[in-house]
Amino acid sequence: MSDFEACPLPKDPLLAEMASALREAGHWAEIVDPEWRVVYTTDELRLAQGFMVKPAPLTLGMHMYSGECIATLELFGGDGMIDIARERLATIGEWVLADTPGGHDALRSIVDPRLTDVVDQLVATNRTVASSSVYRGFGVESSRPVLDLTVTRIRDTHGRLAGTVIIQKPHVSMSMLAMLGAMGDAQHFARMQSVAAAGRRPAAILFADLDGSSSLARRLSTERYFALGRRMTRAADSCVVEAGGITGRHVGDGVVAFFIAENFGSESSAVAGAISAARALTGAMAEVARRSDLAPEDLAMRFGLHWGSTMYIGLISSVGRTEVTALGDEVNECARIEACATGGRTLASKSLIERLTPEAAADLGVDANRIDYIQLGELSTATDKARRDAPSIAVCEL
């Protein structure tokens, strides 16, 4: 089957019912028939096995530990797949052995030859319903997360074994998973996942930072300033996410965000999203100031908005963090624009504004035909870096 084709439901009604339920709930799960031939893998699991870039291939109808199945995975995931297969067979092989007529000899003749020594160590289980265990799953490079495996039998009303379902999840408590899920936004996670495979993506760029943060940090206690920073970060992320953008890195009091054209359907809509996010964050600062017992003028945000036609955007994940980042001249230029927007202003480049359709500009209250632009290097607030790196970029104040 194609790597991008959804896995069809099994022909057996009981297995199809189970597969449908697992798919709808978004589980990582596989279903095998009584002979341990793969009949279903959820698309969520295939995507995870494909390192969140593209679904892993699947050979339906083959024994889960046959040479052909493992060879298919190796073509996709490399030589390390055999090590993962060995760990999994050692973990759930008691069920595989129990279901194989002929015992060890028969199972050795079925599995990949590189697994026969694992088969020799197996002892058939006497459990009839389910069991749980852990193993190291698929990962990027040397990273292999520990996963929980739960094996559950599927039987009809007469007790006939219809198949077995193997459910996986990260080896953390459901309370922790629930906390992580509650803290995030599902649509934003999906947008982050859309750039798992790095590539060139036209997008609007937003840089924002707190004007006069150094004096404010000296004025407030460290504890109070930290609380302020946390409120500002949450407000910034909320405004970006609600406007359809992707949050990038946070540096000090600043935030970077990307509004990718392919996510919005057009360049104009992406630009509108960036402008809307900047305006929303400006408005949100009043509530942050109130909660922080500060005056609104204490939290003046400066914004730089720019268009990136050739940015290289992708997701970077490690054991410590996951974030979206972008490389390109336009990213550095946007940083220079933002640094010049002192006094709580929003400066936008001409290349960004002129991507707005007349209808979108009108909705935003922007009269693109009457705007007078000025080169960044000619601004009275231009920084030395702006004059050095991006003096000729035309900008306007929104």
Protein backbone atom coordinates (compact mmCIF):
# COMPACT_ATOMS: atom_id res chain seq x y z
CA MET A 1 0.00 0.00 0.00
CA SER A 2 1.08 3.62 -0.51
CA ASP A 3 2.94 5.39 2.30
CA PHE A 4 0.31 8.13 2.26
CA GLU A 5 -2.79 5.94 1.97
CA ALA A 6 -4.89 5.46 5.10
CA CYS A 7 -4.84 1.90 6.38
CA PRO A 8 -8.08 0.10 5.44
CA LEU A 9 -10.17 -1.49 8.15
CA PRO A 10 -9.81 -5.28 8.60
CA LYS A 11 -12.34 -7.55 6.91
CA ASP A 12 -13.26 -9.28 10.15
CA PRO A 13 -16.17 -7.27 11.68
CA LEU A 14 -14.86 -7.53 15.23
CA LEU A 15 -11.39 -6.38 14.24
CA ALA A 16 -12.86 -3.63 12.07
CA GLU A 17 -14.92 -2.39 15.02
CA MET A 18 -11.84 -2.30 17.22
CA ALA A 19 -9.74 -0.62 14.51
CA SER A 20 -12.36 2.06 13.97
CA ALA A 21 -12.53 2.83 17.69
CA LEU A 22 -8.74 3.04 17.98
CA ARG A 23 -8.49 5.26 14.91
CA GLU A 24 -11.18 7.65 16.11
CA ALA A 25 -9.50 7.97 19.52
CA GLY A 26 -6.13 8.69 17.92
CA HIS A 27 -4.32 5.77 19.55
CA TRP A 28 -1.00 4.28 18.54
CA ALA A 29 -2.12 0.71 17.89
CA GLU A 30 -1.69 -2.38 15.71
CA ILE A 31 -4.04 -5.31 15.24
CA VAL A 32 -2.98 -8.81 14.25
CA ASP A 33 -5.10 -11.84 13.43
CA PRO A 34 -4.79 -15.14 15.40
CA GLU A 35 -1.70 -16.03 13.32
CA TRP A 36 -0.09 -12.66 14.13
CA ARG A 37 -0.44 -11.36 10.62
CA VAL A 38 -0.78 -7.58 10.56
CA VAL A 39 -4.30 -6.56 9.60
CA TYR A 40 -4.35 -2.96 10.81
CA THR A 41 -2.11 -0.13 12.02
CA THR A 42 -3.52 3.22 13.05
CA ASP A 43 -2.40 6.14 10.93
CA GLU A 44 -1.25 7.94 14.08
CA LEU A 45 1.19 5.12 14.85
CA ARG A 46 2.45 5.04 11.28
CA LEU A 47 3.12 8.78 11.44
CA ALA A 48 4.99 8.35 14.73
CA GLN A 49 7.03 5.51 13.21
CA GLY A 50 7.80 7.88 10.33
CA PHE A 51 9.34 10.35 12.80
CA MET A 52 6.33 12.69 12.39
CA VAL A 53 7.37 13.46 8.80
CA LYS A 54 5.47 10.89 6.74
CA PRO A 55 3.66 7.62 7.55
CA ALA A 56 5.77 4.50 7.77
CA PRO A 57 5.04 1.83 5.14
CA LEU A 58 2.99 -1.21 6.03
CA THR A 59 2.80 -4.72 4.61
CA LEU A 60 -0.62 -6.07 5.45
CA GLY A 61 -1.22 -9.79 5.69
CA MET A 62 2.35 -10.66 6.71
CA HIS A 63 3.48 -12.04 10.05
CA MET A 64 4.54 -9.15 12.29
CA TYR A 65 8.02 -10.63 12.77
CA SER A 66 8.57 -12.12 9.33
CA GLY A 67 11.60 -11.21 7.31
CA GLU A 68 9.47 -9.41 4.76
CA CYS A 69 7.78 -7.16 7.32
CA ILE A 70 11.06 -6.22 8.97
CA ALA A 71 12.77 -5.67 5.62
CA THR A 72 10.03 -3.20 4.69
CA LEU A 73 10.63 -1.26 7.89
CA GLU A 74 14.39 -1.32 7.34
CA LEU A 75 14.00 0.23 3.90
CA PHE A 76 12.18 3.09 5.60
CA GLY A 77 13.83 3.39 9.00
CA GLY A 78 17.27 1.88 8.53
CA ASP A 79 19.21 -0.99 10.06
CA GLY A 80 18.11 -0.11 13.58
CA MET A 81 14.66 -1.57 12.93
CA ILE A 82 15.92 -5.08 13.60
CA ASP A 83 17.00 -4.05 17.10
CA ILE A 84 13.56 -2.62 17.78
CA ALA A 85 11.95 -5.81 16.47
CA ARG A 86 14.12 -7.87 18.78
CA GLU A 87 13.12 -5.80 21.80
CA ARG A 88 9.45 -5.97 20.96
CA LEU A 89 9.50 -9.70 20.33
CA ALA A 90 11.25 -10.25 23.66
CA THR A 91 8.57 -8.13 25.29
CA ILE A 92 5.36 -9.51 23.75
CA GLY A 93 6.71 -12.74 22.26
CA GLU A 94 5.03 -14.79 25.00
CA TRP A 95 1.74 -14.07 23.28
CA VAL A 96 3.14 -14.80 19.82
CA LEU A 97 4.52 -18.15 20.99
CA ALA A 98 1.26 -19.06 22.73
CA ASP A 99 -0.63 -18.52 19.46
CA THR A 100 1.79 -20.47 17.24
CA PRO A 101 0.90 -24.16 16.77
CA GLY A 102 4.13 -26.12 16.85
CA GLY A 103 5.76 -23.87 19.47
CA HIS A 104 9.35 -22.74 19.21
CA ASP A 105 10.23 -24.76 16.12
CA ALA A 106 7.29 -23.41 14.15
CA LEU A 107 7.88 -19.81 15.27
CA ARG A 108 11.58 -20.00 14.36
CA SER A 109 10.59 -20.97 10.82
CA ILE A 110 8.29 -17.95 10.54
CA VAL A 111 10.32 -15.08 11.97
CA ASP A 112 13.24 -13.23 10.46
CA PRO A 113 16.38 -15.39 10.94
CA ARG A 114 17.90 -12.62 13.05
CA LEU A 115 15.18 -13.19 15.64
CA THR A 116 15.55 -16.93 16.19
CA ASP A 117 17.74 -16.52 19.27
CA VAL A 118 15.02 -14.34 20.81
CA VAL A 119 12.45 -17.06 20.08
CA ASP A 120 14.61 -19.58 21.95
CA GLN A 121 14.25 -17.50 25.14
CA LEU A 122 10.47 -17.14 25.00
CA VAL A 123 8.03 -18.81 27.36
CA ALA A 124 4.39 -18.96 26.27
CA THR A 125 2.07 -16.91 28.48
CA ASN A 126 -0.76 -18.46 30.42
CA ARG A 127 -2.64 -15.17 30.55
CA THR A 128 -5.85 -14.99 28.54
CA VAL A 129 -6.89 -11.33 28.50
CA ALA A 130 -4.08 -8.75 28.54
CA SER A 131 -0.61 -7.74 29.68
CA SER A 132 1.52 -4.60 29.76
CA SER A 133 5.25 -4.02 29.36
CA VAL A 134 7.75 -1.43 28.16
CA TYR A 135 10.29 -1.19 25.35
CA ARG A 136 12.39 1.43 23.58
CA GLY A 137 10.53 2.71 20.55
CA PHE A 138 11.33 4.50 17.33
CA GLY A 139 13.43 7.64 17.55
CA VAL A 140 15.52 10.13 15.64
CA GLU A 141 19.25 9.32 15.46
CA SER A 142 20.28 7.94 18.86
CA SER A 143 17.12 9.05 20.65
CA ARG A 144 14.72 6.19 21.40
CA PRO A 145 11.90 6.98 23.81
CA VAL A 146 10.61 4.36 26.21
CA LEU A 147 7.09 3.27 25.32
CA ASP A 148 4.38 1.35 27.13
CA LEU A 149 2.90 -1.67 25.34
CA THR A 150 -0.48 -3.15 26.23
CA VAL A 151 -1.56 -6.40 24.58
CA THR A 152 -5.31 -7.10 24.62
CA ARG A 153 -7.21 -10.06 23.19
CA ILE A 154 -10.24 -9.64 20.95
CA ARG A 155 -12.81 -12.47 21.23
CA ASP A 156 -16.31 -12.98 19.89
CA THR A 157 -19.34 -13.93 22.01
CA HIS A 158 -18.40 -17.60 21.75
CA GLY A 159 -14.88 -17.01 23.05
CA ARG A 160 -13.25 -17.41 19.63
CA LEU A 161 -9.99 -15.51 19.32
CA ALA A 162 -10.44 -12.98 16.53
CA GLY A 163 -7.14 -11.21 17.00
CA THR A 164 -4.89 -9.21 19.27
CA VAL A 165 -4.45 -5.47 19.62
CA ILE A 166 -1.13 -3.92 20.67
CA ILE A 167 -1.57 -0.38 22.02
CA GLN A 168 1.40 1.90 22.60
CA LYS A 169 1.89 5.18 24.43
CA PRO A 170 4.82 7.23 25.76
CA HIS A 171 6.15 5.87 29.05
CA VAL A 172 4.78 8.72 31.16
CA SER A 173 1.70 8.84 33.33
CA MET A 174 -1.64 9.82 31.85
CA SER A 175 -1.76 12.67 34.38
CA MET A 176 1.40 14.10 32.86
CA LEU A 177 0.12 13.61 29.31
CA ALA A 178 -3.14 15.30 30.28
CA MET A 179 -1.24 18.25 31.75
CA LEU A 180 0.83 18.65 28.58
CA GLY A 181 -2.27 18.39 26.42
CA ALA A 182 -4.20 20.89 28.52
CA MET A 183 -1.34 23.42 28.33
CA GLY A 184 -1.21 23.33 24.55
CA ASP A 185 -3.48 24.01 21.61
CA ALA A 186 -4.28 21.09 19.31
CA GLN A 187 -4.43 23.23 16.17
CA HIS A 188 -1.09 24.84 17.01
CA PHE A 189 0.45 21.42 17.55
CA ALA A 190 -0.87 20.44 14.10
CA ARG A 191 0.68 23.55 12.55
CA MET A 192 3.99 22.73 14.22
CA GLN A 193 3.75 19.20 12.90
CA SER A 194 3.16 20.53 9.39
CA VAL A 195 6.75 21.84 9.37
CA ALA A 196 8.33 18.70 10.86
CA ALA A 197 10.04 18.28 7.49
CA ALA A 198 12.06 21.47 7.10
CA GLY A 199 11.74 23.34 3.83
CA ARG A 200 11.34 26.71 2.16
CA ARG A 201 8.01 28.23 3.12
CA PRO A 202 6.85 31.79 2.37
CA ALA A 203 5.56 33.37 5.56
CA ALA A 204 4.91 36.59 7.44
CA ILE A 205 7.33 37.11 10.32
CA LEU A 206 6.53 38.80 13.62
CA PHE A 207 9.14 39.97 16.11
CA ALA A 208 7.93 41.52 19.36
CA ASP A 209 9.79 42.73 22.42
CA LEU A 210 9.13 44.78 25.51
CA ASP A 211 10.36 48.34 25.15
CA GLY A 212 12.43 49.53 28.11
CA SER A 213 12.66 46.10 29.67
CA SER A 214 16.06 46.73 31.22
CA SER A 215 14.86 49.62 33.38
CA LEU A 216 11.73 47.70 34.33
CA ALA A 217 13.80 44.67 35.38
CA ARG A 218 15.92 46.89 37.63
CA ARG A 219 12.82 48.49 39.11
CA LEU A 220 10.96 45.31 40.01
CA SER A 221 12.00 42.47 42.29
CA THR A 222 13.29 39.38 40.53
CA GLU A 223 10.26 37.37 41.61
CA ARG A 224 7.84 40.00 40.38
CA TYR A 225 9.66 40.45 37.09
CA PHE A 226 9.67 36.70 36.51
CA ALA A 227 5.90 36.58 37.09
CA LEU A 228 5.50 39.43 34.62
CA GLY A 229 7.56 37.60 32.02
CA ARG A 230 5.46 34.51 32.43
CA ARG A 231 2.23 36.46 31.92
CA MET A 232 3.65 38.20 28.87
CA THR A 233 4.81 34.93 27.33
CA ARG A 234 1.40 33.33 27.80
CA ALA A 235 -0.34 36.38 26.35
CA ALA A 236 2.00 36.49 23.36
CA ASP A 237 1.61 32.80 22.58
CA SER A 238 -2.15 33.00 22.96
CA CYS A 239 -2.42 35.93 20.53
CA VAL A 240 -0.18 34.23 17.95
CA VAL A 241 -1.97 30.89 18.18
CA GLU A 242 -5.44 32.44 17.99
CA ALA A 243 -4.37 34.36 14.88
CA GLY A 244 -3.29 31.12 13.19
CA GLY A 245 0.46 31.55 13.58
CA ILE A 246 3.25 29.36 14.91
CA THR A 247 5.26 30.51 17.90
CA GLY A 248 8.99 30.36 17.53
CA ARG A 249 11.67 31.01 20.10
CA HIS A 250 11.34 33.21 23.18
CA VAL A 251 14.38 35.29 24.02
CA GLY A 252 14.12 37.35 27.18
CA ASP A 253 10.94 39.41 26.86
CA GLY A 254 10.70 38.83 23.13
CA VAL A 255 8.82 36.44 20.93
CA VAL A 256 9.14 35.35 17.32
CA ALA A 257 6.22 33.99 15.32
CA PHE A 258 5.62 32.75 11.78
CA PHE A 259 2.44 32.93 9.73
CA ILE A 260 2.95 30.45 6.93
CA ALA A 261 1.13 31.10 3.69
CA GLU A 262 0.30 27.44 3.04
CA ASN A 263 -1.46 27.23 6.42
CA PHE A 264 -3.59 30.28 5.65
CA GLY A 265 -4.32 29.52 2.02
CA SER A 266 -2.84 32.76 0.70
CA GLU A 267 -0.07 35.26 1.32
CA SER A 268 -2.61 37.98 2.06
CA SER A 269 -4.28 35.95 4.79
CA ALA A 270 -0.90 35.13 6.35
CA VAL A 271 -0.04 38.84 6.47
CA ALA A 272 -3.44 39.64 7.96
CA GLY A 273 -2.81 37.00 10.62
CA ALA A 274 0.50 38.60 11.61
CA ILE A 275 -0.99 42.09 11.82
CA SER A 276 -3.96 40.81 13.83
CA ALA A 277 -1.65 39.02 16.26
CA ALA A 278 0.40 42.19 16.81
CA ARG A 279 -2.72 44.22 17.49
CA ALA A 280 -4.16 41.57 19.80
CA LEU A 281 -0.95 41.42 21.80
CA THR A 282 -0.88 45.21 22.12
CA GLY A 283 -4.37 45.03 23.57
CA ALA A 284 -3.51 42.09 25.83
CA MET A 285 -0.72 44.05 27.50
CA ALA A 286 -3.27 46.21 29.32
CA GLU A 287 -4.59 43.16 31.18
CA VAL A 288 -1.05 41.92 31.84
CA ALA A 289 -0.20 45.34 33.29
CA ARG A 290 -3.29 45.28 35.51
CA ARG A 291 -2.49 41.82 36.86
CA SER A 292 1.11 42.86 37.44
CA ASP A 293 0.11 46.07 39.28
CA LEU A 294 1.76 48.20 36.60
CA ALA A 295 0.63 51.12 34.49
CA PRO A 296 -0.25 50.29 30.84
CA GLU A 297 2.57 52.54 29.60
CA ASP A 298 5.05 50.36 31.49
CA LEU A 299 4.40 47.53 29.03
CA ALA A 300 4.84 49.11 25.63
CA MET A 301 5.57 46.40 23.05
CA ARG A 302 7.52 47.12 19.93
CA PHE A 303 6.77 45.06 16.81
CA GLY A 304 8.57 44.31 13.58
CA LEU A 305 6.60 42.70 10.74
CA HIS A 306 8.26 41.48 7.57
CA TRP A 307 7.70 39.06 4.70
CA GLY A 308 9.95 36.07 4.11
CA SER A 309 9.82 34.63 0.61
CA THR A 310 12.72 32.22 0.89
CA MET A 311 12.86 31.33 4.58
CA TYR A 312 13.78 27.79 5.53
CA ILE A 313 11.35 26.76 8.28
CA GLY A 314 11.32 23.54 10.25
CA LEU A 315 10.78 21.82 13.56
CA ILE A 316 13.72 21.12 15.86
CA SER A 317 13.17 18.54 18.59
CA SER A 318 15.54 17.33 21.29
CA VAL A 319 15.30 15.76 24.72
CA GLY A 320 14.91 19.23 26.19
CA ARG A 321 12.58 21.09 23.88
CA THR A 322 10.60 21.25 20.67
CA GLU A 323 10.38 24.48 18.71
CA VAL A 324 9.89 25.85 15.23
CA THR A 325 12.68 27.97 13.84
CA ALA A 326 13.50 29.67 10.57
CA LEU A 327 16.65 30.67 8.74
CA GLY A 328 17.02 33.34 6.12
CA ASP A 329 18.00 36.96 5.56
CA GLU A 330 14.40 38.06 6.13
CA VAL A 331 14.49 36.75 9.70
CA ASN A 332 17.50 38.92 10.55
CA GLU A 333 15.92 41.87 8.74
CA CYS A 334 12.75 41.52 10.77
CA ALA A 335 14.79 41.61 13.97
CA ARG A 336 16.35 44.87 12.78
CA ILE A 337 12.92 46.34 12.01
CA GLU A 338 11.62 45.44 15.46
CA ALA A 339 14.60 47.00 17.20
CA CYS A 340 13.80 50.32 15.51
CA ALA A 341 10.14 50.33 16.61
CA THR A 342 10.79 52.03 19.94
CA GLY A 343 8.01 53.72 21.85
CA GLY A 344 5.58 50.83 21.50
CA ARG A 345 5.23 51.18 17.73
CA THR A 346 4.58 48.58 15.02
CA LEU A 347 6.79 48.84 11.95
CA ALA A 348 5.91 46.77 8.90
CA SER A 349 7.90 46.32 5.72
CA LYS A 350 6.63 47.34 2.32
CA SER A 351 7.10 43.77 1.08
CA LEU A 352 4.67 42.62 3.78
CA ILE A 353 2.01 45.31 3.36
CA GLU A 354 1.84 44.98 -0.42
CA ARG A 355 0.86 41.32 -0.16
CA LEU A 356 -2.50 42.31 1.29
CA THR A 357 -5.44 42.13 -1.08
CA PRO A 358 -7.59 45.30 -1.18
CA GLU A 359 -10.31 43.45 0.72
CA ALA A 360 -7.96 42.25 3.45
CA ALA A 361 -6.39 45.71 3.77
CA ALA A 362 -9.83 47.28 4.14
CA ASP A 363 -10.79 44.78 6.84
CA LEU A 364 -7.65 45.76 8.75
CA GLY A 365 -8.19 49.47 8.22
CA VAL A 366 -5.03 49.75 6.16
CA ASP A 367 -5.06 52.05 3.12
CA ALA A 368 -2.13 50.51 1.28
CA ASN A 369 -2.29 53.03 -1.58
CA ARG A 370 -1.83 56.04 0.71
CA ILE A 371 1.02 54.75 2.84
CA ASP A 372 4.30 56.66 2.76
CA TYR A 373 7.29 54.44 3.41
CA ILE A 374 10.68 55.36 4.80
CA GLN A 375 13.92 53.44 4.58
CA LEU A 376 14.87 51.80 7.84
CA GLY A 377 18.28 53.48 7.94
CA GLU A 378 16.65 56.92 7.73
CA LEU A 379 14.53 56.49 10.87
CA SER A 380 15.58 58.62 13.83
CA THR A 381 15.29 55.42 15.92
CA ALA A 382 17.43 53.33 13.57
CA THR A 383 19.97 51.22 15.41
CA ASP A 384 23.56 50.77 14.34
CA LYS A 385 22.74 47.20 13.31
CA ALA A 386 19.78 48.39 11.23
CA ARG A 387 21.95 50.94 9.42
CA ARG A 388 24.57 48.29 8.85
CA ASP A 389 22.44 45.27 7.88
CA ALA A 390 19.14 46.55 6.45
CA PRO A 391 19.27 50.30 5.80
CA SER A 392 17.28 50.24 2.55
CA ILE A 393 14.27 48.22 3.69
CA ALA A 394 11.15 50.33 3.26
CA VAL A 395 8.89 50.37 6.32
CA CYS A 396 5.78 52.09 7.58
CA GLU A 397 4.13 52.46 10.95
CA LEU A 398 0.84 50.65 11.49
